[in-house]
Amino acid sequence: MTDDTGRRLTRDELAAAHGYSRTTLERLWADRAANGHPDAHRDGRTLTWDAAEWAAWDHSRQDLITGAEFARLLGHRDSSWVSKAATVPPKGFPAPVEWGDPVNRRRPKWRRSDAQHYADNRPSTRPPAGAGNRAGSRRGTAYTDDPRLALARQVLTDHPDERTARHIERLHQLMPGSSASTWTKILQAARQPEQD
């Protein structure tokens, strides 16, 4: 391995040294506001990058994982919970370090180490809110011990003659952050008799 201290590389030299296509490097450079790509220096009409700085950035970027990978670390079957948590994070949930689409806050990525730390230290081991039990299961609901279930039961008790849509409006006002479909599932669970 050569000492890259102070060495400057063109885009073609970076492609050869790191195994990327020129198109990939151009895309990474174009997305530099979102991905933290190192600054370039202009040598005449040619852009060059500090070899050591670029290699360190690339190494840290390689350690980033997508929402789907994060979901697998948490034992989820799909990434919808992780995607929601990226924008409405539960306690202790790590902030994304990069957004593939920063304007619309989509396609977030996390450091693998941050995701693993959260997976190892999250407060509860129960299924994520919204995940149901297998058909015929009598172990309560996925919302057992969820404060939203108690709130939904209270709204149903206080307003028994209202339609579900109005219940959802009330729940949104009292505890924002969950989708209408999630509140619908919670209301369904709240209407069932409590399990011991």
C-alpha atoms as a PDB file:
ATOM      1  CA  MET A   1       0.000   0.000   0.000  1.00  0.00           C
ATOM      2  CA  THR A   2       1.334   3.422  -0.929  1.00  0.00           C
ATOM      3  CA  ASP A   3       1.330   6.516   1.232  1.00  0.00           C
ATOM      4  CA  ASP A   4      -1.395   8.812  -0.129  1.00  0.00           C
ATOM      5  CA  THR A   5      -0.594  11.734   2.191  1.00  0.00           C
ATOM      6  CA  GLY A   6      -0.944  14.924   0.192  1.00  0.00           C
ATOM      7  CA  ARG A   7      -1.576  13.045  -3.069  1.00  0.00           C
ATOM      8  CA  ARG A   8      -4.321  14.422  -5.320  1.00  0.00           C
ATOM      9  CA  LEU A   9      -6.362  12.232  -7.661  1.00  0.00           C
ATOM     10  CA  THR A  10      -8.550  13.010 -10.646  1.00  0.00           C
ATOM     11  CA  ARG A  11     -11.968  11.396 -11.018  1.00  0.00           C
ATOM     12  CA  ASP A  12     -10.551   8.784 -13.407  1.00  0.00           C
ATOM     13  CA  GLU A  13      -7.759   7.982 -10.942  1.00  0.00           C
ATOM     14  CA  LEU A  14     -10.320   7.633  -8.117  1.00  0.00           C
ATOM     15  CA  ALA A  15     -12.351   5.275 -10.319  1.00  0.00           C
ATOM     16  CA  ALA A  16      -9.300   3.121 -10.976  1.00  0.00           C
ATOM     17  CA  ALA A  17      -8.116   3.159  -7.364  1.00  0.00           C
ATOM     18  CA  HIS A  18     -11.485   2.383  -5.748  1.00  0.00           C
ATOM     19  CA  GLY A  19     -13.280   0.337  -8.412  1.00  0.00           C
ATOM     20  CA  TYR A  20     -16.103   2.761  -9.156  1.00  0.00           C
ATOM     21  CA  SER A  21     -17.402   3.770 -12.555  1.00  0.00           C
ATOM     22  CA  ARG A  22     -16.992   7.376 -13.617  1.00  0.00           C
ATOM     23  CA  THR A  23     -20.810   7.693 -13.639  1.00  0.00           C
ATOM     24  CA  THR A  24     -21.024   6.583  -9.985  1.00  0.00           C
ATOM     25  CA  LEU A  25     -18.350   9.092  -8.999  1.00  0.00           C
ATOM     26  CA  GLU A  26     -20.181  11.856 -10.870  1.00  0.00           C
ATOM     27  CA  ARG A  27     -23.423  10.930  -9.060  1.00  0.00           C
ATOM     28  CA  LEU A  28     -21.672  10.942  -5.668  1.00  0.00           C
ATOM     29  CA  TRP A  29     -20.197  14.366  -6.438  1.00  0.00           C
ATOM     30  CA  ALA A  30     -23.581  15.713  -7.582  1.00  0.00           C
ATOM     31  CA  ASP A  31     -25.141  14.501  -4.291  1.00  0.00           C
ATOM     32  CA  ARG A  32     -22.365  15.993  -2.137  1.00  0.00           C
ATOM     33  CA  ALA A  33     -24.782  18.178  -0.155  1.00  0.00           C
ATOM     34  CA  ALA A  34     -26.521  15.026   1.080  1.00  0.00           C
ATOM     35  CA  ASN A  35     -23.621  12.605   1.368  1.00  0.00           C
ATOM     36  CA  GLY A  36     -20.767  14.769   2.674  1.00  0.00           C
ATOM     37  CA  HIS A  37     -18.496  14.131  -0.311  1.00  0.00           C
ATOM     38  CA  PRO A  38     -15.083  15.784   0.215  1.00  0.00           C
ATOM     39  CA  ASP A  39     -14.448  19.104  -1.477  1.00  0.00           C
ATOM     40  CA  ALA A  40     -12.611  19.147  -4.767  1.00  0.00           C
ATOM     41  CA  HIS A  41      -9.748  21.373  -5.823  1.00  0.00           C
ATOM     42  CA  ARG A  42      -9.441  22.719  -9.301  1.00  0.00           C
ATOM     43  CA  ASP A  43      -6.136  22.135 -11.090  1.00  0.00           C
ATOM     44  CA  GLY A  44      -6.679  24.071 -14.296  1.00  0.00           C
ATOM     45  CA  ARG A  45      -9.874  22.625 -15.755  1.00  0.00           C
ATOM     46  CA  THR A  46      -9.587  19.358 -13.828  1.00  0.00           C
ATOM     47  CA  LEU A  47     -11.121  18.567 -10.450  1.00  0.00           C
ATOM     48  CA  THR A  48      -8.887  16.661  -8.025  1.00  0.00           C
ATOM     49  CA  TRP A  49      -9.415  15.243  -4.546  1.00  0.00           C
ATOM     50  CA  ASP A  50      -7.087  14.530  -1.657  1.00  0.00           C
ATOM     51  CA  ALA A  51      -6.557  10.755  -1.898  1.00  0.00           C
ATOM     52  CA  ALA A  52      -6.443  10.072   1.853  1.00  0.00           C
ATOM     53  CA  GLU A  53      -9.445  12.289   2.643  1.00  0.00           C
ATOM     54  CA  TRP A  54     -11.501  10.717  -0.163  1.00  0.00           C
ATOM     55  CA  ALA A  55     -10.576   7.168   0.922  1.00  0.00           C
ATOM     56  CA  ALA A  56     -11.564   7.906   4.535  1.00  0.00           C
ATOM     57  CA  TRP A  57     -14.905   9.378   3.381  1.00  0.00           C
ATOM     58  CA  ASP A  58     -15.557   6.394   1.129  1.00  0.00           C
ATOM     59  CA  HIS A  59     -14.758   3.957   3.939  1.00  0.00           C
ATOM     60  CA  SER A  60     -17.226   5.657   6.294  1.00  0.00           C
ATOM     61  CA  ARG A  61     -19.851   5.773   3.515  1.00  0.00           C
ATOM     62  CA  GLN A  62     -19.401   2.041   2.884  1.00  0.00           C
ATOM     63  CA  ASP A  63     -20.372   1.491   6.515  1.00  0.00           C
ATOM     64  CA  LEU A  64     -23.802   3.082   5.928  1.00  0.00           C
ATOM     65  CA  ILE A  65     -26.887   0.888   5.780  1.00  0.00           C
ATOM     66  CA  THR A  66     -30.322   1.406   4.269  1.00  0.00           C
ATOM     67  CA  GLY A  67     -33.663   1.280   6.046  1.00  0.00           C
ATOM     68  CA  ALA A  68     -34.170  -2.299   4.831  1.00  0.00           C
ATOM     69  CA  GLU A  69     -30.872  -3.385   6.402  1.00  0.00           C
ATOM     70  CA  PHE A  70     -31.720  -1.503   9.609  1.00  0.00           C
ATOM     71  CA  ALA A  71     -35.110  -3.241   9.692  1.00  0.00           C
ATOM     72  CA  ARG A  72     -33.416  -6.646   9.405  1.00  0.00           C
ATOM     73  CA  LEU A  73     -31.177  -5.778  12.368  1.00  0.00           C
ATOM     74  CA  LEU A  74     -34.332  -5.052  14.373  1.00  0.00           C
ATOM     75  CA  GLY A  75     -36.029  -8.268  13.254  1.00  0.00           C
ATOM     76  CA  HIS A  76     -38.671  -6.516  11.125  1.00  0.00           C
ATOM     77  CA  ARG A  77     -39.864  -8.046   7.879  1.00  0.00           C
ATOM     78  CA  ASP A  78     -40.102  -4.755   6.010  1.00  0.00           C
ATOM     79  CA  SER A  79     -38.622  -1.308   6.371  1.00  0.00           C
ATOM     80  CA  SER A  80     -41.839   0.692   6.844  1.00  0.00           C
ATOM     81  CA  TRP A  81     -41.365   1.028  10.613  1.00  0.00           C
ATOM     82  CA  VAL A  82     -37.771   2.209  10.150  1.00  0.00           C
ATOM     83  CA  SER A  83     -38.824   4.698   7.453  1.00  0.00           C
ATOM     84  CA  LYS A  84     -41.434   6.162   9.801  1.00  0.00           C
ATOM     85  CA  ALA A  85     -38.943   6.251  12.690  1.00  0.00           C
ATOM     86  CA  ALA A  86     -36.513   8.219  10.513  1.00  0.00           C
ATOM     87  CA  THR A  87     -38.961  11.126  10.402  1.00  0.00           C
ATOM     88  CA  VAL A  88     -40.744  10.615  13.761  1.00  0.00           C
ATOM     89  CA  PRO A  89     -38.040   8.967  15.866  1.00  0.00           C
ATOM     90  CA  PRO A  90     -38.838   7.028  19.014  1.00  0.00           C
ATOM     91  CA  LYS A  91     -36.652   7.585  22.061  1.00  0.00           C
ATOM     92  CA  GLY A  92     -33.037   6.646  21.377  1.00  0.00           C
ATOM     93  CA  PHE A  93     -33.518   6.099  17.642  1.00  0.00           C
ATOM     94  CA  PRO A  94     -30.413   7.287  15.748  1.00  0.00           C
ATOM     95  CA  ALA A  95     -30.734  10.113  13.267  1.00  0.00           C
ATOM     96  CA  PRO A  96     -29.883   9.253   9.658  1.00  0.00           C
ATOM     97  CA  VAL A  97     -26.433  10.452   8.638  1.00  0.00           C
ATOM     98  CA  GLU A  98     -27.370  10.715   4.967  1.00  0.00           C
ATOM     99  CA  TRP A  99     -30.529  11.178   2.906  1.00  0.00           C
ATOM    100  CA  GLY A 100     -30.575   9.874  -0.666  1.00  0.00           C
ATOM    101  CA  ASP A 101     -33.279  12.460  -1.359  1.00  0.00           C
ATOM    102  CA  PRO A 102     -32.646  15.236   1.206  1.00  0.00           C
ATOM    103  CA  VAL A 103     -35.355  17.580  -0.092  1.00  0.00           C
ATOM    104  CA  ASN A 104     -38.130  15.027   0.506  1.00  0.00           C
ATOM    105  CA  ARG A 105     -36.317  13.276   3.398  1.00  0.00           C
ATOM    106  CA  ARG A 106     -36.387   9.908   1.650  1.00  0.00           C
ATOM    107  CA  ARG A 107     -33.949   7.010   1.359  1.00  0.00           C
ATOM    108  CA  PRO A 108     -32.176   7.617   4.686  1.00  0.00           C
ATOM    109  CA  LYS A 109     -28.993   5.794   5.657  1.00  0.00           C
ATOM    110  CA  TRP A 110     -27.502   5.118   9.074  1.00  0.00           C
ATOM    111  CA  ARG A 111     -24.100   4.104  10.367  1.00  0.00           C
ATOM    112  CA  ARG A 112     -24.178   0.358  10.930  1.00  0.00           C
ATOM    113  CA  SER A 113     -22.695   0.852  14.408  1.00  0.00           C
ATOM    114  CA  ASP A 114     -25.486   3.311  15.396  1.00  0.00           C
ATOM    115  CA  ALA A 115     -28.163   0.953  14.105  1.00  0.00           C
ATOM    116  CA  GLN A 116     -26.645  -2.014  15.915  1.00  0.00           C
ATOM    117  CA  HIS A 117     -26.389  -0.017  19.148  1.00  0.00           C
ATOM    118  CA  TYR A 118     -30.082   0.894  18.903  1.00  0.00           C
ATOM    119  CA  ALA A 119     -31.037  -2.711  18.111  1.00  0.00           C
ATOM    120  CA  ASP A 120     -29.060  -3.938  21.126  1.00  0.00           C
ATOM    121  CA  ASN A 121     -30.335  -1.290  23.551  1.00  0.00           C
ATOM    122  CA  ARG A 122     -33.881  -0.438  22.519  1.00  0.00           C
ATOM    123  CA  PRO A 123     -36.236  -0.295  25.473  1.00  0.00           C
ATOM    124  CA  SER A 124     -38.773  -2.941  24.466  1.00  0.00           C
ATOM    125  CA  THR A 125     -38.581  -6.335  22.818  1.00  0.00           C
ATOM    126  CA  ARG A 126     -42.262  -6.489  21.930  1.00  0.00           C
ATOM    127  CA  PRO A 127     -43.262  -6.358  18.257  1.00  0.00           C
ATOM    128  CA  PRO A 128     -43.420  -2.920  16.658  1.00  0.00           C
ATOM    129  CA  ALA A 129     -46.721  -1.101  16.834  1.00  0.00           C
ATOM    130  CA  GLY A 130     -48.974  -2.234  14.024  1.00  0.00           C
ATOM    131  CA  ALA A 131     -47.603  -5.773  13.776  1.00  0.00           C
ATOM    132  CA  GLY A 132     -50.360  -8.287  14.351  1.00  0.00           C
ATOM    133  CA  ASN A 133     -50.308 -11.730  15.894  1.00  0.00           C
ATOM    134  CA  ARG A 134     -50.898 -14.873  13.906  1.00  0.00           C
ATOM    135  CA  ALA A 135     -54.519 -15.760  13.220  1.00  0.00           C
ATOM    136  CA  GLY A 136     -56.096 -17.459  16.197  1.00  0.00           C
ATOM    137  CA  SER A 137     -53.554 -16.072  18.656  1.00  0.00           C
ATOM    138  CA  ARG A 138     -55.006 -15.255  22.089  1.00  0.00           C
ATOM    139  CA  ARG A 139     -51.997 -13.452  23.555  1.00  0.00           C
ATOM    140  CA  GLY A 140     -53.576 -10.011  23.454  1.00  0.00           C
ATOM    141  CA  THR A 141     -52.688  -7.572  20.704  1.00  0.00           C
ATOM    142  CA  ALA A 142     -49.507  -6.100  19.330  1.00  0.00           C
ATOM    143  CA  TYR A 143     -50.588  -2.941  21.157  1.00  0.00           C
ATOM    144  CA  THR A 144     -50.591  -4.497  24.625  1.00  0.00           C
ATOM    145  CA  ASP A 145     -48.755  -2.066  26.948  1.00  0.00           C
ATOM    146  CA  ASP A 146     -48.879   0.618  24.227  1.00  0.00           C
ATOM    147  CA  PRO A 147     -50.178   3.914  25.696  1.00  0.00           C
ATOM    148  CA  ARG A 148     -52.079   4.521  22.455  1.00  0.00           C
ATOM    149  CA  LEU A 149     -54.311   1.510  23.200  1.00  0.00           C
ATOM    150  CA  ALA A 150     -55.332   2.944  26.571  1.00  0.00           C
ATOM    151  CA  LEU A 151     -55.990   6.311  24.940  1.00  0.00           C
ATOM    152  CA  ALA A 152     -58.116   4.683  22.222  1.00  0.00           C
ATOM    153  CA  ARG A 153     -60.147   2.805  24.854  1.00  0.00           C
ATOM    154  CA  GLN A 154     -60.743   6.088  26.683  1.00  0.00           C
ATOM    155  CA  VAL A 155     -61.897   7.844  23.496  1.00  0.00           C
ATOM    156  CA  LEU A 156     -64.266   4.958  22.719  1.00  0.00           C
ATOM    157  CA  THR A 157     -65.666   5.109  26.258  1.00  0.00           C
ATOM    158  CA  ASP A 158     -66.091   8.901  26.214  1.00  0.00           C
ATOM    159  CA  HIS A 159     -67.584   9.046  22.697  1.00  0.00           C
ATOM    160  CA  PRO A 160     -69.316   5.703  22.019  1.00  0.00           C
ATOM    161  CA  ASP A 161     -71.663   7.000  19.319  1.00  0.00           C
ATOM    162  CA  GLU A 162     -69.056   8.674  17.115  1.00  0.00           C
ATOM    163  CA  ARG A 163     -67.794   7.244  13.858  1.00  0.00           C
ATOM    164  CA  THR A 164     -64.299   5.790  13.558  1.00  0.00           C
ATOM    165  CA  ALA A 165     -63.124   8.752  11.456  1.00  0.00           C
ATOM    166  CA  ARG A 166     -64.020  11.157  14.290  1.00  0.00           C
ATOM    167  CA  HIS A 167     -62.287   8.907  16.837  1.00  0.00           C
ATOM    168  CA  ILE A 168     -59.145   9.021  14.691  1.00  0.00           C
ATOM    169  CA  GLU A 169     -59.329  12.832  14.528  1.00  0.00           C
ATOM    170  CA  ARG A 170     -59.545  12.988  18.327  1.00  0.00           C
ATOM    171  CA  LEU A 171     -56.637  10.558  18.709  1.00  0.00           C
ATOM    172  CA  HIS A 172     -54.496  12.584  16.288  1.00  0.00           C
ATOM    173  CA  GLN A 173     -55.171  15.695  18.372  1.00  0.00           C
ATOM    174  CA  LEU A 174     -54.377  13.963  21.653  1.00  0.00           C
ATOM    175  CA  MET A 175     -51.317  12.035  20.468  1.00  0.00           C
ATOM    176  CA  PRO A 176     -49.957  13.066  17.055  1.00  0.00           C
ATOM    177  CA  GLY A 177     -47.442  10.953  15.168  1.00  0.00           C
ATOM    178  CA  SER A 178     -49.328   7.795  14.161  1.00  0.00           C
ATOM    179  CA  SER A 179     -50.998   7.295  10.799  1.00  0.00           C
ATOM    180  CA  ALA A 180     -54.753   6.938  10.315  1.00  0.00           C
ATOM    181  CA  SER A 181     -54.307   3.272   9.374  1.00  0.00           C
ATOM    182  CA  THR A 182     -52.365   2.628  12.592  1.00  0.00           C
ATOM    183  CA  TRP A 183     -55.056   4.349  14.656  1.00  0.00           C
ATOM    184  CA  THR A 184     -57.679   2.218  12.872  1.00  0.00           C
ATOM    185  CA  LYS A 185     -55.844  -0.944  13.947  1.00  0.00           C
ATOM    186  CA  ILE A 186     -55.475   0.368  17.494  1.00  0.00           C
ATOM    187  CA  LEU A 187     -59.191   1.190  17.630  1.00  0.00           C
ATOM    188  CA  GLN A 188     -59.999  -2.340  16.439  1.00  0.00           C
ATOM    189  CA  ALA A 189     -57.823  -3.724  19.224  1.00  0.00           C
ATOM    190  CA  ALA A 190     -59.446  -1.339  21.737  1.00  0.00           C
ATOM    191  CA  ARG A 191     -62.918  -2.623  20.851  1.00  0.00           C
ATOM    192  CA  GLN A 192     -61.913  -6.202  21.718  1.00  0.00           C
ATOM    193  CA  PRO A 193     -62.286  -7.428  25.301  1.00  0.00           C
ATOM    194  CA  GLU A 194     -59.110  -7.033  27.345  1.00  0.00           C
ATOM    195  CA  GLN A 195     -57.062 -10.228  27.756  1.00  0.00           C
ATOM    196  CA  ASP A 196     -55.716 -11.224  31.152  1.00  0.00           C
END
